[in-house]
Amino acid sequence: MAKIKVEGTVVELDGDEMTRIMWQFIKDSLILPYLDVNLEYYDLGMENRDATDDQVT
């Protein structure tokens, strides 16, 4: 089956702990197999927020 082409970019926001695991499962199972989508990734986890002095929030 051909993937559906998505126009534009979808922003992917990653959080902490369970949100990362749940989002990865959803993305791998329900999104990437069916959609040709450009994802722009941002890490909003505490470690990255601390490392960037909250510049990502």
PDB file of N, CA and C in Angstrom:
ATOM      1  N   MET A   1       0.831  -1.167   0.000  1.00  0.00           N
ATOM      2  CA  MET A   1       0.000   0.000   0.000  1.00  0.00           C
ATOM      3  C   MET A   1       0.886   1.244   0.000  1.00  0.00           C
ATOM      4  N   ALA A   2       0.535   2.212  -0.822  1.00  0.00           N
ATOM      5  CA  ALA A   2       1.299   3.455  -0.895  1.00  0.00           C
ATOM      6  C   ALA A   2       1.001   4.329   0.317  1.00  0.00           C
ATOM      7  N   LYS A   3       2.019   5.048   0.744  1.00  0.00           N
ATOM      8  CA  LYS A   3       1.838   5.956   1.874  1.00  0.00           C
ATOM      9  C   LYS A   3       1.146   7.236   1.406  1.00  0.00           C
ATOM     10  N   ILE A   4       0.402   7.843   2.305  1.00  0.00           N
ATOM     11  CA  ILE A   4      -0.263   9.111   2.035  1.00  0.00           C
ATOM     12  C   ILE A   4       0.750  10.229   2.269  1.00  0.00           C
ATOM     13  N   LYS A   5       0.903  11.112   1.279  1.00  0.00           N
ATOM     14  CA  LYS A   5       1.832  12.232   1.389  1.00  0.00           C
ATOM     15  C   LYS A   5       1.185  13.345   2.205  1.00  0.00           C
ATOM     16  N   VAL A   6       1.888  13.792   3.247  1.00  0.00           N
ATOM     17  CA  VAL A   6       1.403  14.872   4.098  1.00  0.00           C
ATOM     18  C   VAL A   6       2.099  16.158   3.665  1.00  0.00           C
ATOM     19  N   GLU A   7       1.318  17.177   3.346  1.00  0.00           N
ATOM     20  CA  GLU A   7       1.871  18.479   2.975  1.00  0.00           C
ATOM     21  C   GLU A   7       2.359  19.192   4.229  1.00  0.00           C
ATOM     22  N   GLY A   8       3.459  19.892   4.119  1.00  0.00           N
ATOM     23  CA  GLY A   8       3.973  20.653   5.253  1.00  0.00           C
ATOM     24  C   GLY A   8       4.727  19.782   6.240  1.00  0.00           C
ATOM     25  N   THR A   9       5.018  20.364   7.374  1.00  0.00           N
ATOM     26  CA  THR A   9       5.802  19.712   8.417  1.00  0.00           C
ATOM     27  C   THR A   9       4.962  19.553   9.675  1.00  0.00           C
ATOM     28  N   VAL A  10       5.130  18.420  10.338  1.00  0.00           N
ATOM     29  CA  VAL A  10       4.471  18.169  11.614  1.00  0.00           C
ATOM     30  C   VAL A  10       5.543  18.249  12.699  1.00  0.00           C
ATOM     31  N   VAL A  11       5.274  19.020  13.741  1.00  0.00           N
ATOM     32  CA  VAL A  11       6.228  19.177  14.837  1.00  0.00           C
ATOM     33  C   VAL A  11       6.050  18.027  15.820  1.00  0.00           C
ATOM     34  N   GLU A  12       7.159  17.392  16.144  1.00  0.00           N
ATOM     35  CA  GLU A  12       7.177  16.271  17.087  1.00  0.00           C
ATOM     36  C   GLU A  12       7.798  16.764  18.392  1.00  0.00           C
ATOM     37  N   LEU A  13       7.017  16.747  19.467  1.00  0.00           N
ATOM     38  CA  LEU A  13       7.488  17.188  20.777  1.00  0.00           C
ATOM     39  C   LEU A  13       7.666  15.973  21.671  1.00  0.00           C
ATOM     40  N   ASP A  14       8.859  15.805  22.205  1.00  0.00           N
ATOM     41  CA  ASP A  14       9.152  14.685  23.092  1.00  0.00           C
ATOM     42  C   ASP A  14       9.235  15.193  24.517  1.00  0.00           C
ATOM     43  N   GLY A  15       8.690  14.435  25.452  1.00  0.00           N
ATOM     44  CA  GLY A  15       8.705  14.823  26.860  1.00  0.00           C
ATOM     45  C   GLY A  15       9.579  13.893  27.669  1.00  0.00           C
ATOM     46  N   ASP A  16       9.126  13.581  28.866  1.00  0.00           N
ATOM     47  CA  ASP A  16       9.874  12.725  29.780  1.00  0.00           C
ATOM     48  C   ASP A  16       9.214  11.361  29.914  1.00  0.00           C
ATOM     49  N   GLU A  17      10.007  10.386  30.260  1.00  0.00           N
ATOM     50  CA  GLU A  17       9.615   9.038  30.652  1.00  0.00           C
ATOM     51  C   GLU A  17       8.544   8.402  29.775  1.00  0.00           C
ATOM     52  N   MET A  18       7.347   8.183  30.319  1.00  0.00           N
ATOM     53  CA  MET A  18       6.315   7.420  29.613  1.00  0.00           C
ATOM     54  C   MET A  18       5.850   8.103  28.340  1.00  0.00           C
ATOM     55  N   THR A  19       5.885   9.432  28.303  1.00  0.00           N
ATOM     56  CA  THR A  19       5.436  10.105  27.082  1.00  0.00           C
ATOM     57  C   THR A  19       6.320   9.740  25.901  1.00  0.00           C
ATOM     58  N   ARG A  20       7.618   9.569  26.134  1.00  0.00           N
ATOM     59  CA  ARG A  20       8.529   9.162  25.054  1.00  0.00           C
ATOM     60  C   ARG A  20       8.178   7.764  24.546  1.00  0.00           C
ATOM     61  N   ILE A  21       7.935   6.862  25.475  1.00  0.00           N
ATOM     62  CA  ILE A  21       7.627   5.474  25.118  1.00  0.00           C
ATOM     63  C   ILE A  21       6.302   5.395  24.370  1.00  0.00           C
ATOM     64  N   MET A  22       5.291   6.094  24.876  1.00  0.00           N
ATOM     65  CA  MET A  22       3.973   6.066  24.235  1.00  0.00           C
ATOM     66  C   MET A  22       4.019   6.698  22.850  1.00  0.00           C
ATOM     67  N   TRP A  23       4.694   7.848  22.717  1.00  0.00           N
ATOM     68  CA  TRP A  23       4.771   8.513  21.423  1.00  0.00           C
ATOM     69  C   TRP A  23       5.531   7.648  20.420  1.00  0.00           C
ATOM     70  N   GLN A  24       6.616   7.023  20.827  1.00  0.00           N
ATOM     71  CA  GLN A  24       7.386   6.166  19.918  1.00  0.00           C
ATOM     72  C   GLN A  24       6.520   5.022  19.405  1.00  0.00           C
ATOM     73  N   PHE A  25       5.736   4.410  20.282  1.00  0.00           N
ATOM     74  CA  PHE A  25       4.839   3.325  19.885  1.00  0.00           C
ATOM     75  C   PHE A  25       3.790   3.821  18.892  1.00  0.00           C
ATOM     76  N   ILE A  26       3.166   4.952  19.192  1.00  0.00           N
ATOM     77  CA  ILE A  26       2.141   5.512  18.298  1.00  0.00           C
ATOM     78  C   ILE A  26       2.745   5.853  16.944  1.00  0.00           C
ATOM     79  N   LYS A  27       3.894   6.507  16.959  1.00  0.00           N
ATOM     80  CA  LYS A  27       4.550   6.917  15.715  1.00  0.00           C
ATOM     81  C   LYS A  27       4.926   5.701  14.869  1.00  0.00           C
ATOM     82  N   ASP A  28       5.547   4.699  15.486  1.00  0.00           N
ATOM     83  CA  ASP A  28       5.994   3.513  14.750  1.00  0.00           C
ATOM     84  C   ASP A  28       4.844   2.631  14.286  1.00  0.00           C
ATOM     85  N   SER A  29       3.760   2.574  15.041  1.00  0.00           N
ATOM     86  CA  SER A  29       2.647   1.671  14.727  1.00  0.00           C
ATOM     87  C   SER A  29       1.565   2.295  13.865  1.00  0.00           C
ATOM     88  N   LEU A  30       1.277   3.565  14.087  1.00  0.00           N
ATOM     89  CA  LEU A  30       0.100   4.169  13.461  1.00  0.00           C
ATOM     90  C   LEU A  30       0.391   5.285  12.464  1.00  0.00           C
ATOM     91  N   ILE A  31       1.562   5.896  12.544  1.00  0.00           N
ATOM     92  CA  ILE A  31       1.834   7.046  11.685  1.00  0.00           C
ATOM     93  C   ILE A  31       2.807   6.708  10.558  1.00  0.00           C
ATOM     94  N   LEU A  32       4.021   6.309  10.909  1.00  0.00           N
ATOM     95  CA  LEU A  32       5.055   6.107   9.890  1.00  0.00           C
ATOM     96  C   LEU A  32       4.747   5.016   8.858  1.00  0.00           C
ATOM     97  N   PRO A  33       4.047   3.933   9.220  1.00  0.00           N
ATOM     98  CA  PRO A  33       3.747   2.933   8.190  1.00  0.00           C
ATOM     99  C   PRO A  33       2.769   3.427   7.117  1.00  0.00           C
ATOM    100  N   TYR A  34       1.998   4.458   7.413  1.00  0.00           N
ATOM    101  CA  TYR A  34       0.925   4.881   6.516  1.00  0.00           C
ATOM    102  C   TYR A  34       1.096   6.276   5.930  1.00  0.00           C
ATOM    103  N   LEU A  35       1.933   7.094   6.551  1.00  0.00           N
ATOM    104  CA  LEU A  35       2.072   8.476   6.107  1.00  0.00           C
ATOM    105  C   LEU A  35       3.505   8.796   5.725  1.00  0.00           C
ATOM    106  N   ASP A  36       3.661   9.522   4.626  1.00  0.00           N
ATOM    107  CA  ASP A  36       4.950  10.079   4.233  1.00  0.00           C
ATOM    108  C   ASP A  36       4.962  11.502   4.783  1.00  0.00           C
ATOM    109  N   VAL A  37       5.541  11.655   5.962  1.00  0.00           N
ATOM    110  CA  VAL A  37       5.435  12.918   6.687  1.00  0.00           C
ATOM    111  C   VAL A  37       6.810  13.414   7.113  1.00  0.00           C
ATOM    112  N   ASN A  38       7.014  14.725   6.998  1.00  0.00           N
ATOM    113  CA  ASN A  38       8.242  15.352   7.463  1.00  0.00           C
ATOM    114  C   ASN A  38       8.030  15.767   8.916  1.00  0.00           C
ATOM    115  N   LEU A  39       8.844  15.226   9.826  1.00  0.00           N
ATOM    116  CA  LEU A  39       8.725  15.540  11.250  1.00  0.00           C
ATOM    117  C   LEU A  39       9.867  16.455  11.676  1.00  0.00           C
ATOM    118  N   GLU A  40       9.529  17.514  12.396  1.00  0.00           N
ATOM    119  CA  GLU A  40      10.518  18.409  12.984  1.00  0.00           C
ATOM    120  C   GLU A  40      10.530  18.122  14.482  1.00  0.00           C
ATOM    121  N   TYR A  41      11.663  17.661  15.002  1.00  0.00           N
ATOM    122  CA  TYR A  41      11.758  17.125  16.361  1.00  0.00           C
ATOM    123  C   TYR A  41      12.258  18.163  17.365  1.00  0.00           C
ATOM    124  N   TYR A  42      11.583  18.225  18.523  1.00  0.00           N
ATOM    125  CA  TYR A  42      12.023  19.044  19.651  1.00  0.00           C
ATOM    126  C   TYR A  42      11.950  18.202  20.918  1.00  0.00           C
ATOM    127  N   ASP A  43      13.025  18.221  21.691  1.00  0.00           N
ATOM    128  CA  ASP A  43      13.096  17.469  22.943  1.00  0.00           C
ATOM    129  C   ASP A  43      12.747  18.407  24.095  1.00  0.00           C
ATOM    130  N   LEU A  44      11.592  18.171  24.741  1.00  0.00           N
ATOM    131  CA  LEU A  44      11.159  18.996  25.866  1.00  0.00           C
ATOM    132  C   LEU A  44      11.395  18.312  27.206  1.00  0.00           C
ATOM    133  N   GLY A  45      12.209  17.257  27.207  1.00  0.00           N
ATOM    134  CA  GLY A  45      12.529  16.560  28.449  1.00  0.00           C
ATOM    135  C   GLY A  45      13.336  17.451  29.386  1.00  0.00           C
ATOM    136  N   MET A  46      13.263  17.151  30.659  1.00  0.00           N
ATOM    137  CA  MET A  46      13.935  17.972  31.673  1.00  0.00           C
ATOM    138  C   MET A  46      15.439  18.080  31.445  1.00  0.00           C
ATOM    139  N   GLU A  47      16.084  16.986  31.046  1.00  0.00           N
ATOM    140  CA  GLU A  47      17.536  17.028  30.840  1.00  0.00           C
ATOM    141  C   GLU A  47      17.898  18.022  29.745  1.00  0.00           C
ATOM    142  N   ASN A  48      17.148  18.000  28.636  1.00  0.00           N
ATOM    143  CA  ASN A  48      17.434  18.925  27.541  1.00  0.00           C
ATOM    144  C   ASN A  48      17.054  20.357  27.915  1.00  0.00           C
ATOM    145  N   ARG A  49      15.978  20.525  28.658  1.00  0.00           N
ATOM    146  CA  ARG A  49      15.591  21.868  29.109  1.00  0.00           C
ATOM    147  C   ARG A  49      16.659  22.450  30.025  1.00  0.00           C
ATOM    148  N   ASP A  50      17.199  21.617  30.920  1.00  0.00           N
ATOM    149  CA  ASP A  50      18.276  22.080  31.798  1.00  0.00           C
ATOM    150  C   ASP A  50      19.531  22.412  30.992  1.00  0.00           C
ATOM    151  N   ALA A  51      19.859  21.566  30.017  1.00  0.00           N
ATOM    152  CA  ALA A  51      21.066  21.762  29.212  1.00  0.00           C
ATOM    153  C   ALA A  51      20.984  23.015  28.341  1.00  0.00           C
ATOM    154  N   THR A  52      19.767  23.390  27.938  1.00  0.00           N
ATOM    155  CA  THR A  52      19.600  24.559  27.066  1.00  0.00           C
ATOM    156  C   THR A  52      19.096  25.782  27.826  1.00  0.00           C
ATOM    157  N   ASP A  53      19.084  25.715  29.143  1.00  0.00           N
ATOM    158  CA  ASP A  53      18.585  26.814  29.984  1.00  0.00           C
ATOM    159  C   ASP A  53      17.169  27.216  29.558  1.00  0.00           C
ATOM    160  N   ASP A  54      16.323  26.207  29.346  1.00  0.00           N
ATOM    161  CA  ASP A  54      14.909  26.369  28.969  1.00  0.00           C
ATOM    162  C   ASP A  54      14.703  27.085  27.636  1.00  0.00           C
ATOM    163  N   GLN A  55      15.677  27.022  26.738  1.00  0.00           N
ATOM    164  CA  GLN A  55      15.517  27.659  25.432  1.00  0.00           C
ATOM    165  C   GLN A  55      14.589  26.881  24.508  1.00  0.00           C
ATOM    166  N   VAL A  56      14.295  25.636  24.821  1.00  0.00           N
ATOM    167  CA  VAL A  56      13.430  24.819  23.961  1.00  0.00           C
ATOM    168  C   VAL A  56      11.964  24.907  24.340  1.00  0.00           C
ATOM    169  N   THR A  57      11.628  25.580  25.431  1.00  0.00           N
ATOM    170  CA  THR A  57      10.221  25.631  25.849  1.00  0.00           C
ATOM    171  C   THR A  57       9.548  26.902  25.429  1.00  0.00           C
TER     172      THR A  57
END
